[in-house]
Amino acid sequence: MVTLWATSPLLSLLLFVFLFRFASIRPFLVAYLVFCFFDPRPYDGVGRRYSFIQKLPIWDHINAYFQPKLVFEEPLDPAEKYVFGSHPHGVISYMSQLIAGPTGMGIESHFPGLVVRGVTMPASFNIPFFRDYALAMGCLSCDRNSIRRILSDRHHNLHQSLLVVVGGAEESMLAHDGSADLVLLKRRGFVREAIRAGCNLVPIYNFNENSIYKLVPNEPGTFAHRFEMAIKEVCGFTILLFHGQNIFFTPYRTQLTSVVGRTIRVNRNYDPTPEEIEHYHSLYVNELTRLYNKYKPRYAPNAADIRFVA
């Protein structure tokens, strides 16, 4: 079950290609593709979320396999809105999916009334069937307009917070076992949007996220690096070369712990200045560093020191 979940984007695509072979259902699949092309839900700030997702038995299997933990340094206020930054990206952002979605193991389950929406690259909503799973989990597109709709009370009557995996595709290429290399210094868009919406910033570090899978060595000059960079240049995301415990890509069993740091209070400004953005970004980097250094001895004693590589 854990393997099926981990490989769901690829399996969804293969299933669609397999079904397309059957002429009797091909018109329905074509109609489905047309619907997907015009579907506004991934970008409207609301999506198509279903609460029954948290009752699916797959979460029991995942919970038993990884025994994930969610630790809060201080309580969150459901009356406020937050922009959570999740680090590191890892190969497939396991913990970010767990703690942002309606899985019964996330932030919302600890603070009823708090609604947290995760975001992912727009290309995810081009994958047949997988896109519907992502929407059902409450996930939306990470483009700027979508984020602004999520955080804006003018577009809906929901009071929503945002969780974004800040490092993106570039950071996923650094997800080597035991490493803590982050792409953050040049990422300021999430800070800008937090200031515009008046949302407090909160860093999250997911310990052992990078140990779930093993990346193929992808140092500059290697075939893996050239392949991953070529895909990234064309598509904006990349296809990582990695392996699990076996040919079925079963992830390595490891203790996963997400630590939610202290809240950074943000004053709202609809037109933030570069100085404001730099101020809050600096506070965020310092808080994330403190968080990692405090909890690393407890949850990942053999991991490397945190590094901001870009």
C-alpha atoms as a PDB file:
ATOM      1  CA  MET A   1       0.000   0.000   0.000  1.00  0.00           C
ATOM      2  CA  VAL A   2       2.832   2.413   0.852  1.00  0.00           C
ATOM      3  CA  THR A   3       4.534   1.647  -2.470  1.00  0.00           C
ATOM      4  CA  LEU A   4       1.306   2.272  -4.389  1.00  0.00           C
ATOM      5  CA  TRP A   5       0.947   5.655  -2.745  1.00  0.00           C
ATOM      6  CA  ALA A   6       4.577   6.592  -3.393  1.00  0.00           C
ATOM      7  CA  THR A   7       4.383   5.746  -7.087  1.00  0.00           C
ATOM      8  CA  SER A   8       0.837   7.015  -7.681  1.00  0.00           C
ATOM      9  CA  PRO A   9       1.752   9.679 -10.309  1.00  0.00           C
ATOM     10  CA  LEU A  10       3.492   7.112 -12.515  1.00  0.00           C
ATOM     11  CA  LEU A  11       0.851   4.442 -11.923  1.00  0.00           C
ATOM     12  CA  SER A  12      -1.932   6.902 -12.760  1.00  0.00           C
ATOM     13  CA  LEU A  13      -0.330   7.751 -16.079  1.00  0.00           C
ATOM     14  CA  LEU A  14       0.298   4.096 -16.945  1.00  0.00           C
ATOM     15  CA  LEU A  15      -3.288   3.204 -16.050  1.00  0.00           C
ATOM     16  CA  PHE A  16      -4.621   5.906 -18.356  1.00  0.00           C
ATOM     17  CA  VAL A  17      -2.427   4.736 -21.243  1.00  0.00           C
ATOM     18  CA  PHE A  18      -3.559   1.143 -20.642  1.00  0.00           C
ATOM     19  CA  LEU A  19      -7.252   2.059 -20.591  1.00  0.00           C
ATOM     20  CA  PHE A  20      -6.890   4.160 -23.727  1.00  0.00           C
ATOM     21  CA  ARG A  21      -6.181   0.956 -25.643  1.00  0.00           C
ATOM     22  CA  PHE A  22      -9.826  -0.058 -25.318  1.00  0.00           C
ATOM     23  CA  ALA A  23     -11.934   1.546 -28.037  1.00  0.00           C
ATOM     24  CA  SER A  24     -15.176   1.131 -26.071  1.00  0.00           C
ATOM     25  CA  ILE A  25     -14.108   3.545 -23.321  1.00  0.00           C
ATOM     26  CA  ARG A  26     -11.851   5.808 -25.379  1.00  0.00           C
ATOM     27  CA  PRO A  27     -14.575   8.461 -25.964  1.00  0.00           C
ATOM     28  CA  PHE A  28     -15.083   8.737 -22.195  1.00  0.00           C
ATOM     29  CA  LEU A  29     -11.368   9.157 -21.652  1.00  0.00           C
ATOM     30  CA  VAL A  30     -11.207  11.867 -24.306  1.00  0.00           C
ATOM     31  CA  ALA A  31     -14.139  13.636 -22.635  1.00  0.00           C
ATOM     32  CA  TYR A  32     -12.287  13.326 -19.316  1.00  0.00           C
ATOM     33  CA  LEU A  33      -9.191  14.969 -20.821  1.00  0.00           C
ATOM     34  CA  VAL A  34     -11.302  17.832 -22.145  1.00  0.00           C
ATOM     35  CA  PHE A  35     -12.832  18.243 -18.692  1.00  0.00           C
ATOM     36  CA  CYS A  36      -9.355  18.294 -17.113  1.00  0.00           C
ATOM     37  CA  PHE A  37      -8.168  20.945 -19.569  1.00  0.00           C
ATOM     38  CA  PHE A  38     -11.015  23.323 -18.716  1.00  0.00           C
ATOM     39  CA  ASP A  39     -11.359  22.428 -15.017  1.00  0.00           C
ATOM     40  CA  PRO A  40     -10.718  25.615 -12.983  1.00  0.00           C
ATOM     41  CA  ARG A  41     -10.573  23.879  -9.615  1.00  0.00           C
ATOM     42  CA  PRO A  42      -6.768  23.571  -9.241  1.00  0.00           C
ATOM     43  CA  TYR A  43      -6.442  27.345  -9.596  1.00  0.00           C
ATOM     44  CA  ASP A  44      -9.542  28.834  -7.942  1.00  0.00           C
ATOM     45  CA  GLY A  45      -8.300  28.821  -4.336  1.00  0.00           C
ATOM     46  CA  VAL A  46     -10.972  26.329  -3.245  1.00  0.00           C
ATOM     47  CA  GLY A  47     -10.418  23.134  -5.205  1.00  0.00           C
ATOM     48  CA  ARG A  48     -12.359  19.936  -4.753  1.00  0.00           C
ATOM     49  CA  ARG A  49     -11.471  18.590  -1.327  1.00  0.00           C
ATOM     50  CA  TYR A  50     -13.151  15.555   0.264  1.00  0.00           C
ATOM     51  CA  SER A  51     -13.027  14.832   3.990  1.00  0.00           C
ATOM     52  CA  PHE A  52     -13.610  11.091   3.484  1.00  0.00           C
ATOM     53  CA  ILE A  53      -9.968  10.841   2.371  1.00  0.00           C
ATOM     54  CA  GLN A  54      -8.809  10.713   5.995  1.00  0.00           C
ATOM     55  CA  LYS A  55     -10.871   7.559   6.558  1.00  0.00           C
ATOM     56  CA  LEU A  56      -9.129   5.546   3.853  1.00  0.00           C
ATOM     57  CA  PRO A  57      -7.222   2.488   5.158  1.00  0.00           C
ATOM     58  CA  ILE A  58      -4.033   3.537   3.372  1.00  0.00           C
ATOM     59  CA  TRP A  59      -3.245   5.995   6.164  1.00  0.00           C
ATOM     60  CA  ASP A  60      -3.227   3.144   8.683  1.00  0.00           C
ATOM     61  CA  HIS A  61      -0.595   1.367   6.570  1.00  0.00           C
ATOM     62  CA  ILE A  62       1.494   4.520   6.191  1.00  0.00           C
ATOM     63  CA  ASN A  63       1.223   5.271   9.886  1.00  0.00           C
ATOM     64  CA  ALA A  64       2.336   1.745  10.763  1.00  0.00           C
ATOM     65  CA  TYR A  65       5.199   1.830   8.247  1.00  0.00           C
ATOM     66  CA  PHE A  66       6.744   5.223   9.022  1.00  0.00           C
ATOM     67  CA  GLN A  67       5.217   6.020  12.440  1.00  0.00           C
ATOM     68  CA  PRO A  68       5.227   9.734  11.568  1.00  0.00           C
ATOM     69  CA  LYS A  69       5.302  12.310  14.332  1.00  0.00           C
ATOM     70  CA  LEU A  70       4.219  15.933  14.288  1.00  0.00           C
ATOM     71  CA  VAL A  71       5.764  18.178  16.959  1.00  0.00           C
ATOM     72  CA  PHE A  72       4.674  21.755  17.702  1.00  0.00           C
ATOM     73  CA  GLU A  73       6.896  24.224  19.505  1.00  0.00           C
ATOM     74  CA  GLU A  74       3.894  26.385  20.304  1.00  0.00           C
ATOM     75  CA  PRO A  75       0.147  26.172  19.721  1.00  0.00           C
ATOM     76  CA  LEU A  76      -1.437  27.627  16.596  1.00  0.00           C
ATOM     77  CA  ASP A  77      -4.485  29.882  16.609  1.00  0.00           C
ATOM     78  CA  PRO A  78      -7.274  28.723  14.246  1.00  0.00           C
ATOM     79  CA  ALA A  79      -8.499  32.328  14.105  1.00  0.00           C
ATOM     80  CA  GLU A  80      -5.293  33.393  12.366  1.00  0.00           C
ATOM     81  CA  LYS A  81      -3.875  32.563   8.946  1.00  0.00           C
ATOM     82  CA  TYR A  82      -0.418  31.129   8.332  1.00  0.00           C
ATOM     83  CA  VAL A  83       2.022  30.471   5.523  1.00  0.00           C
ATOM     84  CA  PHE A  84       3.908  27.305   6.465  1.00  0.00           C
ATOM     85  CA  GLY A  85       7.214  26.656   4.723  1.00  0.00           C
ATOM     86  CA  SER A  86       8.050  22.950   4.564  1.00  0.00           C
ATOM     87  CA  HIS A  87      11.659  21.696   4.288  1.00  0.00           C
ATOM     88  CA  PRO A  88      13.272  19.737   2.754  1.00  0.00           C
ATOM     89  CA  HIS A  89      11.509  18.820  -0.477  1.00  0.00           C
ATOM     90  CA  GLY A  90      12.853  15.256  -0.511  1.00  0.00           C
ATOM     91  CA  VAL A  91      12.178  12.982  -3.459  1.00  0.00           C
ATOM     92  CA  ILE A  92       8.372  13.144  -3.281  1.00  0.00           C
ATOM     93  CA  SER A  93       7.588  15.342  -0.241  1.00  0.00           C
ATOM     94  CA  TYR A  94       6.073  12.593   1.897  1.00  0.00           C
ATOM     95  CA  MET A  95       5.608  14.519   5.128  1.00  0.00           C
ATOM     96  CA  SER A  96       4.381  17.667   3.408  1.00  0.00           C
ATOM     97  CA  GLN A  97       1.541  15.625   1.914  1.00  0.00           C
ATOM     98  CA  LEU A  98       0.708  14.048   5.248  1.00  0.00           C
ATOM     99  CA  ILE A  99       0.662  17.200   7.358  1.00  0.00           C
ATOM    100  CA  ALA A 100      -1.166  19.451   4.865  1.00  0.00           C
ATOM    101  CA  GLY A 101      -3.878  17.081   3.686  1.00  0.00           C
ATOM    102  CA  PRO A 102      -7.017  15.671   5.346  1.00  0.00           C
ATOM    103  CA  THR A 103      -5.145  12.536   6.443  1.00  0.00           C
ATOM    104  CA  GLY A 104      -6.014  12.623  10.133  1.00  0.00           C
ATOM    105  CA  MET A 105      -2.288  13.016  10.876  1.00  0.00           C
ATOM    106  CA  GLY A 106      -1.800  16.643   9.877  1.00  0.00           C
ATOM    107  CA  ILE A 107      -1.874  20.111  11.345  1.00  0.00           C
ATOM    108  CA  GLU A 108      -5.649  20.392  11.098  1.00  0.00           C
ATOM    109  CA  SER A 109      -6.214  17.363  13.324  1.00  0.00           C
ATOM    110  CA  HIS A 110      -4.324  19.094  16.155  1.00  0.00           C
ATOM    111  CA  PHE A 111      -6.056  22.462  15.799  1.00  0.00           C
ATOM    112  CA  PRO A 112      -9.702  22.063  14.713  1.00  0.00           C
ATOM    113  CA  GLY A 113     -10.884  25.031  12.694  1.00  0.00           C
ATOM    114  CA  LEU A 114      -7.524  25.565  11.030  1.00  0.00           C
ATOM    115  CA  VAL A 115      -7.677  24.858   7.277  1.00  0.00           C
ATOM    116  CA  VAL A 116      -4.320  24.189   5.595  1.00  0.00           C
ATOM    117  CA  ARG A 117      -4.018  23.957   1.820  1.00  0.00           C
ATOM    118  CA  GLY A 118      -0.944  22.434   0.250  1.00  0.00           C
ATOM    119  CA  VAL A 119       0.239  23.505  -3.191  1.00  0.00           C
ATOM    120  CA  THR A 120       2.145  21.722  -5.917  1.00  0.00           C
ATOM    121  CA  MET A 121       3.432  22.452  -9.401  1.00  0.00           C
ATOM    122  CA  PRO A 122       0.707  23.083 -12.028  1.00  0.00           C
ATOM    123  CA  ALA A 123       2.031  20.181 -14.116  1.00  0.00           C
ATOM    124  CA  SER A 124       0.715  17.762 -11.464  1.00  0.00           C
ATOM    125  CA  PHE A 125      -2.805  18.602 -12.608  1.00  0.00           C
ATOM    126  CA  ASN A 126      -1.990  17.410 -16.112  1.00  0.00           C
ATOM    127  CA  ILE A 127      -1.539  13.802 -14.935  1.00  0.00           C
ATOM    128  CA  PRO A 128      -4.806  11.891 -15.475  1.00  0.00           C
ATOM    129  CA  PHE A 129      -6.388  10.422 -12.326  1.00  0.00           C
ATOM    130  CA  PHE A 130      -3.518  11.618 -10.109  1.00  0.00           C
ATOM    131  CA  ARG A 131      -4.811  15.165 -10.471  1.00  0.00           C
ATOM    132  CA  ASP A 132      -8.123  14.076  -8.950  1.00  0.00           C
ATOM    133  CA  TYR A 133      -6.332  12.464  -6.010  1.00  0.00           C
ATOM    134  CA  ALA A 134      -4.337  15.671  -5.463  1.00  0.00           C
ATOM    135  CA  LEU A 135      -7.509  17.771  -5.551  1.00  0.00           C
ATOM    136  CA  ALA A 136      -9.304  15.398  -3.184  1.00  0.00           C
ATOM    137  CA  MET A 137      -6.373  15.831  -0.768  1.00  0.00           C
ATOM    138  CA  GLY A 138      -6.966  19.583  -0.848  1.00  0.00           C
ATOM    139  CA  CYS A 139      -3.929  20.350  -2.985  1.00  0.00           C
ATOM    140  CA  LEU A 140      -3.938  23.301  -5.386  1.00  0.00           C
ATOM    141  CA  SER A 141      -1.600  24.879  -7.917  1.00  0.00           C
ATOM    142  CA  CYS A 142       1.415  26.816  -6.649  1.00  0.00           C
ATOM    143  CA  ASP A 143       1.220  29.605  -9.228  1.00  0.00           C
ATOM    144  CA  ARG A 144       0.980  33.134  -7.856  1.00  0.00           C
ATOM    145  CA  ASN A 145      -2.694  33.744  -8.680  1.00  0.00           C
ATOM    146  CA  SER A 146      -3.739  30.453  -7.106  1.00  0.00           C
ATOM    147  CA  ILE A 147      -1.841  31.247  -3.902  1.00  0.00           C
ATOM    148  CA  ARG A 148      -3.435  34.680  -3.703  1.00  0.00           C
ATOM    149  CA  ARG A 149      -6.881  33.160  -4.106  1.00  0.00           C
ATOM    150  CA  ILE A 150      -6.147  30.634  -1.342  1.00  0.00           C
ATOM    151  CA  LEU A 151      -5.148  33.376   1.094  1.00  0.00           C
ATOM    152  CA  SER A 152      -7.785  35.915   0.049  1.00  0.00           C
ATOM    153  CA  ASP A 153     -11.091  36.021   1.923  1.00  0.00           C
ATOM    154  CA  ARG A 154     -12.638  37.926  -0.982  1.00  0.00           C
ATOM    155  CA  HIS A 155     -12.727  34.891  -3.294  1.00  0.00           C
ATOM    156  CA  HIS A 156     -14.476  32.524  -0.861  1.00  0.00           C
ATOM    157  CA  ASN A 157     -15.804  32.349   2.682  1.00  0.00           C
ATOM    158  CA  LEU A 158     -13.040  30.021   3.827  1.00  0.00           C
ATOM    159  CA  HIS A 159     -10.322  31.035   6.298  1.00  0.00           C
ATOM    160  CA  GLN A 160      -7.375  29.198   4.802  1.00  0.00           C
ATOM    161  CA  SER A 161      -3.685  28.848   5.532  1.00  0.00           C
ATOM    162  CA  LEU A 162      -1.037  27.732   3.064  1.00  0.00           C
ATOM    163  CA  LEU A 163       1.709  25.105   3.139  1.00  0.00           C
ATOM    164  CA  VAL A 164       4.388  25.389   0.474  1.00  0.00           C
ATOM    165  CA  VAL A 165       7.440  23.201  -0.121  1.00  0.00           C
ATOM    166  CA  VAL A 166       9.765  26.124  -0.669  1.00  0.00           C
ATOM    167  CA  GLY A 167      12.779  24.431  -2.301  1.00  0.00           C
ATOM    168  CA  GLY A 168      10.897  23.011  -5.267  1.00  0.00           C
ATOM    169  CA  ALA A 169      12.402  20.886  -8.025  1.00  0.00           C
ATOM    170  CA  GLU A 170      15.882  22.323  -7.553  1.00  0.00           C
ATOM    171  CA  GLU A 171      15.970  21.186  -3.939  1.00  0.00           C
ATOM    172  CA  SER A 172      14.628  17.742  -4.789  1.00  0.00           C
ATOM    173  CA  MET A 173      17.840  17.105  -6.745  1.00  0.00           C
ATOM    174  CA  LEU A 174      19.762  17.584  -3.474  1.00  0.00           C
ATOM    175  CA  ALA A 175      17.714  15.064  -1.489  1.00  0.00           C
ATOM    176  CA  HIS A 176      20.562  12.683  -0.680  1.00  0.00           C
ATOM    177  CA  ASP A 177      20.291  10.438   2.363  1.00  0.00           C
ATOM    178  CA  GLY A 178      21.399  12.261   5.504  1.00  0.00           C
ATOM    179  CA  SER A 179      21.815  15.627   3.806  1.00  0.00           C
ATOM    180  CA  ALA A 180      20.190  18.920   4.777  1.00  0.00           C
ATOM    181  CA  ASP A 181      20.924  21.061   1.712  1.00  0.00           C
ATOM    182  CA  LEU A 182      18.177  23.627   1.161  1.00  0.00           C
ATOM    183  CA  VAL A 183      17.250  26.056  -1.600  1.00  0.00           C
ATOM    184  CA  LEU A 184      15.917  29.014   0.355  1.00  0.00           C
ATOM    185  CA  LEU A 185      18.144  32.073   0.086  1.00  0.00           C
ATOM    186  CA  LYS A 186      16.703  33.039  -3.308  1.00  0.00           C
ATOM    187  CA  ARG A 187      13.123  32.041  -2.490  1.00  0.00           C
ATOM    188  CA  ARG A 188      11.235  35.147  -1.439  1.00  0.00           C
ATOM    189  CA  GLY A 189       7.895  34.778  -3.192  1.00  0.00           C
ATOM    190  CA  PHE A 190       6.240  32.965  -0.272  1.00  0.00           C
ATOM    191  CA  VAL A 191       7.367  35.743   2.081  1.00  0.00           C
ATOM    192  CA  ARG A 192       5.954  38.416  -0.224  1.00  0.00           C
ATOM    193  CA  GLU A 193       2.593  36.648  -0.410  1.00  0.00           C
ATOM    194  CA  ALA A 194       2.491  36.234   3.384  1.00  0.00           C
ATOM    195  CA  ILE A 195       3.004  39.991   3.835  1.00  0.00           C
ATOM    196  CA  ARG A 196       0.364  40.847   1.212  1.00  0.00           C
ATOM    197  CA  ALA A 197      -2.210  38.591   2.899  1.00  0.00           C
ATOM    198  CA  GLY A 198      -1.218  39.398   6.476  1.00  0.00           C
ATOM    199  CA  CYS A 199      -0.373  35.756   7.234  1.00  0.00           C
ATOM    200  CA  ASN A 200       2.138  34.744   9.867  1.00  0.00           C
ATOM    201  CA  LEU A 201       5.161  32.731   8.723  1.00  0.00           C
ATOM    202  CA  VAL A 202       5.950  29.348  10.266  1.00  0.00           C
ATOM    203  CA  PRO A 203       8.899  27.110   9.257  1.00  0.00           C
ATOM    204  CA  ILE A 204       8.592  23.319   9.346  1.00  0.00           C
ATOM    205  CA  TYR A 205      11.474  20.865   9.132  1.00  0.00           C
ATOM    206  CA  ASN A 206      10.758  17.239   8.189  1.00  0.00           C
ATOM    207  CA  PHE A 207      13.511  15.131   9.701  1.00  0.00           C
ATOM    208  CA  ASN A 208      14.589  12.061   7.670  1.00  0.00           C
ATOM    209  CA  GLU A 209      12.525  13.080   4.638  1.00  0.00           C
ATOM    210  CA  ASN A 210      15.666  12.632   2.530  1.00  0.00           C
ATOM    211  CA  SER A 211      16.157   9.057   3.776  1.00  0.00           C
ATOM    212  CA  ILE A 212      12.956   7.586   2.314  1.00  0.00           C
ATOM    213  CA  TYR A 213      14.573   6.974  -1.074  1.00  0.00           C
ATOM    214  CA  LYS A 214      18.149   6.942  -2.360  1.00  0.00           C
ATOM    215  CA  LEU A 215      19.033   9.292  -5.188  1.00  0.00           C
ATOM    216  CA  VAL A 216      21.324   8.037  -7.922  1.00  0.00           C
ATOM    217  CA  PRO A 217      24.601  10.031  -7.652  1.00  0.00           C
ATOM    218  CA  ASN A 218      23.837  13.229  -9.561  1.00  0.00           C
ATOM    219  CA  GLU A 219      26.827  15.480  -9.082  1.00  0.00           C
ATOM    220  CA  PRO A 220      27.461  17.966 -11.926  1.00  0.00           C
ATOM    221  CA  GLY A 221      28.896  16.151 -14.923  1.00  0.00           C
ATOM    222  CA  THR A 222      27.159  12.826 -14.251  1.00  0.00           C
ATOM    223  CA  PHE A 223      24.539  11.369 -16.568  1.00  0.00           C
ATOM    224  CA  ALA A 224      21.899  11.639 -13.837  1.00  0.00           C
ATOM    225  CA  HIS A 225      22.592  15.360 -13.377  1.00  0.00           C
ATOM    226  CA  ARG A 226      22.451  16.070 -17.101  1.00  0.00           C
ATOM    227  CA  PHE A 227      19.209  14.096 -17.436  1.00  0.00           C
ATOM    228  CA  GLU A 228      17.517  15.796 -14.465  1.00  0.00           C
ATOM    229  CA  MET A 229      18.609  19.269 -15.566  1.00  0.00           C
ATOM    230  CA  ALA A 230      17.434  18.671 -19.143  1.00  0.00           C
ATOM    231  CA  ILE A 231      13.947  17.721 -17.918  1.00  0.00           C
ATOM    232  CA  LYS A 232      13.880  20.718 -15.576  1.00  0.00           C
ATOM    233  CA  GLU A 233      14.869  23.127 -18.360  1.00  0.00           C
ATOM    234  CA  VAL A 234      12.049  21.903 -20.602  1.00  0.00           C
ATOM    235  CA  CYS A 235       9.258  21.203 -18.110  1.00  0.00           C
ATOM    236  CA  GLY A 236       9.988  23.373 -15.067  1.00  0.00           C
ATOM    237  CA  PHE A 237      10.094  20.241 -12.925  1.00  0.00           C
ATOM    238  CA  THR A 238      12.362  17.232 -13.053  1.00  0.00           C
ATOM    239  CA  ILE A 239      12.218  13.444 -13.050  1.00  0.00           C
ATOM    240  CA  LEU A 240      14.577  12.166 -10.404  1.00  0.00           C
ATOM    241  CA  LEU A 241      16.585   8.983 -10.773  1.00  0.00           C
ATOM    242  CA  PHE A 242      16.237   7.147  -7.479  1.00  0.00           C
ATOM    243  CA  HIS A 243      15.624   3.710  -5.995  1.00  0.00           C
ATOM    244  CA  GLY A 244      13.922   2.161  -3.011  1.00  0.00           C
ATOM    245  CA  GLN A 245      14.403  -1.130  -1.215  1.00  0.00           C
ATOM    246  CA  ASN A 246      13.478  -3.177  -4.282  1.00  0.00           C
ATOM    247  CA  ILE A 247      12.341  -2.986  -7.907  1.00  0.00           C
ATOM    248  CA  PHE A 248       8.858  -1.985  -6.712  1.00  0.00           C
ATOM    249  CA  PHE A 249      10.247   1.269  -5.258  1.00  0.00           C
ATOM    250  CA  THR A 250       9.261   0.355  -1.728  1.00  0.00           C
ATOM    251  CA  PRO A 251      10.523   3.259   0.392  1.00  0.00           C
ATOM    252  CA  TYR A 252      13.069   2.693   3.125  1.00  0.00           C
ATOM    253  CA  ARG A 253      11.501   2.466   6.550  1.00  0.00           C
ATOM    254  CA  THR A 254      12.600   5.388   8.696  1.00  0.00           C
ATOM    255  CA  GLN A 255      11.201   7.474  11.529  1.00  0.00           C
ATOM    256  CA  LEU A 256       9.661  10.627  10.062  1.00  0.00           C
ATOM    257  CA  THR A 257       9.259  13.624  12.341  1.00  0.00           C
ATOM    258  CA  SER A 258       7.992  17.066  11.351  1.00  0.00           C
ATOM    259  CA  VAL A 259       8.726  19.897  13.768  1.00  0.00           C
ATOM    260  CA  VAL A 260       6.607  23.036  13.445  1.00  0.00           C
ATOM    261  CA  GLY A 261       8.607  26.064  14.598  1.00  0.00           C
ATOM    262  CA  ARG A 262       7.699  29.305  16.276  1.00  0.00           C
ATOM    263  CA  THR A 263       5.355  31.766  14.631  1.00  0.00           C
ATOM    264  CA  ILE A 264       6.904  34.810  12.964  1.00  0.00           C
ATOM    265  CA  ARG A 265       4.371  37.632  13.277  1.00  0.00           C
ATOM    266  CA  VAL A 266       3.825  39.512  10.024  1.00  0.00           C
ATOM    267  CA  ASN A 267       2.366  42.988   9.546  1.00  0.00           C
ATOM    268  CA  ARG A 268       0.153  43.239   6.496  1.00  0.00           C
ATOM    269  CA  ASN A 269       1.160  45.393   3.553  1.00  0.00           C
ATOM    270  CA  TYR A 270      -0.557  45.042   0.186  1.00  0.00           C
ATOM    271  CA  ASP A 271       2.542  46.393  -1.544  1.00  0.00           C
ATOM    272  CA  PRO A 272       5.552  45.122   0.448  1.00  0.00           C
ATOM    273  CA  THR A 273       8.887  46.819  -0.080  1.00  0.00           C
ATOM    274  CA  PRO A 274      12.088  44.869  -0.810  1.00  0.00           C
ATOM    275  CA  GLU A 275      13.310  45.850   2.650  1.00  0.00           C
ATOM    276  CA  GLU A 276      10.224  44.343   4.299  1.00  0.00           C
ATOM    277  CA  ILE A 277      10.565  41.133   2.318  1.00  0.00           C
ATOM    278  CA  GLU A 278      14.251  40.882   3.207  1.00  0.00           C
ATOM    279  CA  HIS A 279      13.488  41.524   6.898  1.00  0.00           C
ATOM    280  CA  TYR A 280      10.935  38.723   7.213  1.00  0.00           C
ATOM    281  CA  HIS A 281      12.958  36.396   5.005  1.00  0.00           C
ATOM    282  CA  SER A 282      15.964  36.849   7.319  1.00  0.00           C
ATOM    283  CA  LEU A 283      13.806  36.125  10.370  1.00  0.00           C
ATOM    284  CA  TYR A 284      12.514  33.004   8.648  1.00  0.00           C
ATOM    285  CA  VAL A 285      15.976  31.676   7.743  1.00  0.00           C
ATOM    286  CA  ASN A 286      17.208  32.269  11.302  1.00  0.00           C
ATOM    287  CA  GLU A 287      14.190  30.519  12.817  1.00  0.00           C
ATOM    288  CA  LEU A 288      14.531  27.513  10.513  1.00  0.00           C
ATOM    289  CA  THR A 289      18.234  27.236  11.362  1.00  0.00           C
ATOM    290  CA  ARG A 290      17.488  27.377  15.083  1.00  0.00           C
ATOM    291  CA  LEU A 291      14.763  24.769  14.666  1.00  0.00           C
ATOM    292  CA  TYR A 292      17.049  22.348  12.833  1.00  0.00           C
ATOM    293  CA  ASN A 293      19.970  22.734  15.223  1.00  0.00           C
ATOM    294  CA  LYS A 294      17.738  22.255  18.268  1.00  0.00           C
ATOM    295  CA  TYR A 295      15.977  19.082  17.126  1.00  0.00           C
ATOM    296  CA  LYS A 296      18.610  17.419  14.937  1.00  0.00           C
ATOM    297  CA  PRO A 297      20.317  15.657  17.912  1.00  0.00           C
ATOM    298  CA  ARG A 298      16.962  14.174  18.912  1.00  0.00           C
ATOM    299  CA  TYR A 299      15.425  13.165  15.583  1.00  0.00           C
ATOM    300  CA  ALA A 300      18.334  12.848  13.115  1.00  0.00           C
ATOM    301  CA  PRO A 301      21.609  12.692  15.059  1.00  0.00           C
ATOM    302  CA  ASN A 302      23.591  11.343  12.097  1.00  0.00           C
ATOM    303  CA  ALA A 303      22.352  13.922   9.597  1.00  0.00           C
ATOM    304  CA  ALA A 304      24.620  16.597   8.150  1.00  0.00           C
ATOM    305  CA  ASP A 305      24.542  20.229   9.253  1.00  0.00           C
ATOM    306  CA  ILE A 306      21.991  22.438   7.547  1.00  0.00           C
ATOM    307  CA  ARG A 307      23.269  24.248   4.435  1.00  0.00           C
ATOM    308  CA  PHE A 308      21.609  26.920   2.324  1.00  0.00           C
ATOM    309  CA  VAL A 309      23.073  26.259  -1.093  1.00  0.00           C
ATOM    310  CA  ALA A 310      20.985  28.730  -3.071  1.00  0.00           C
END
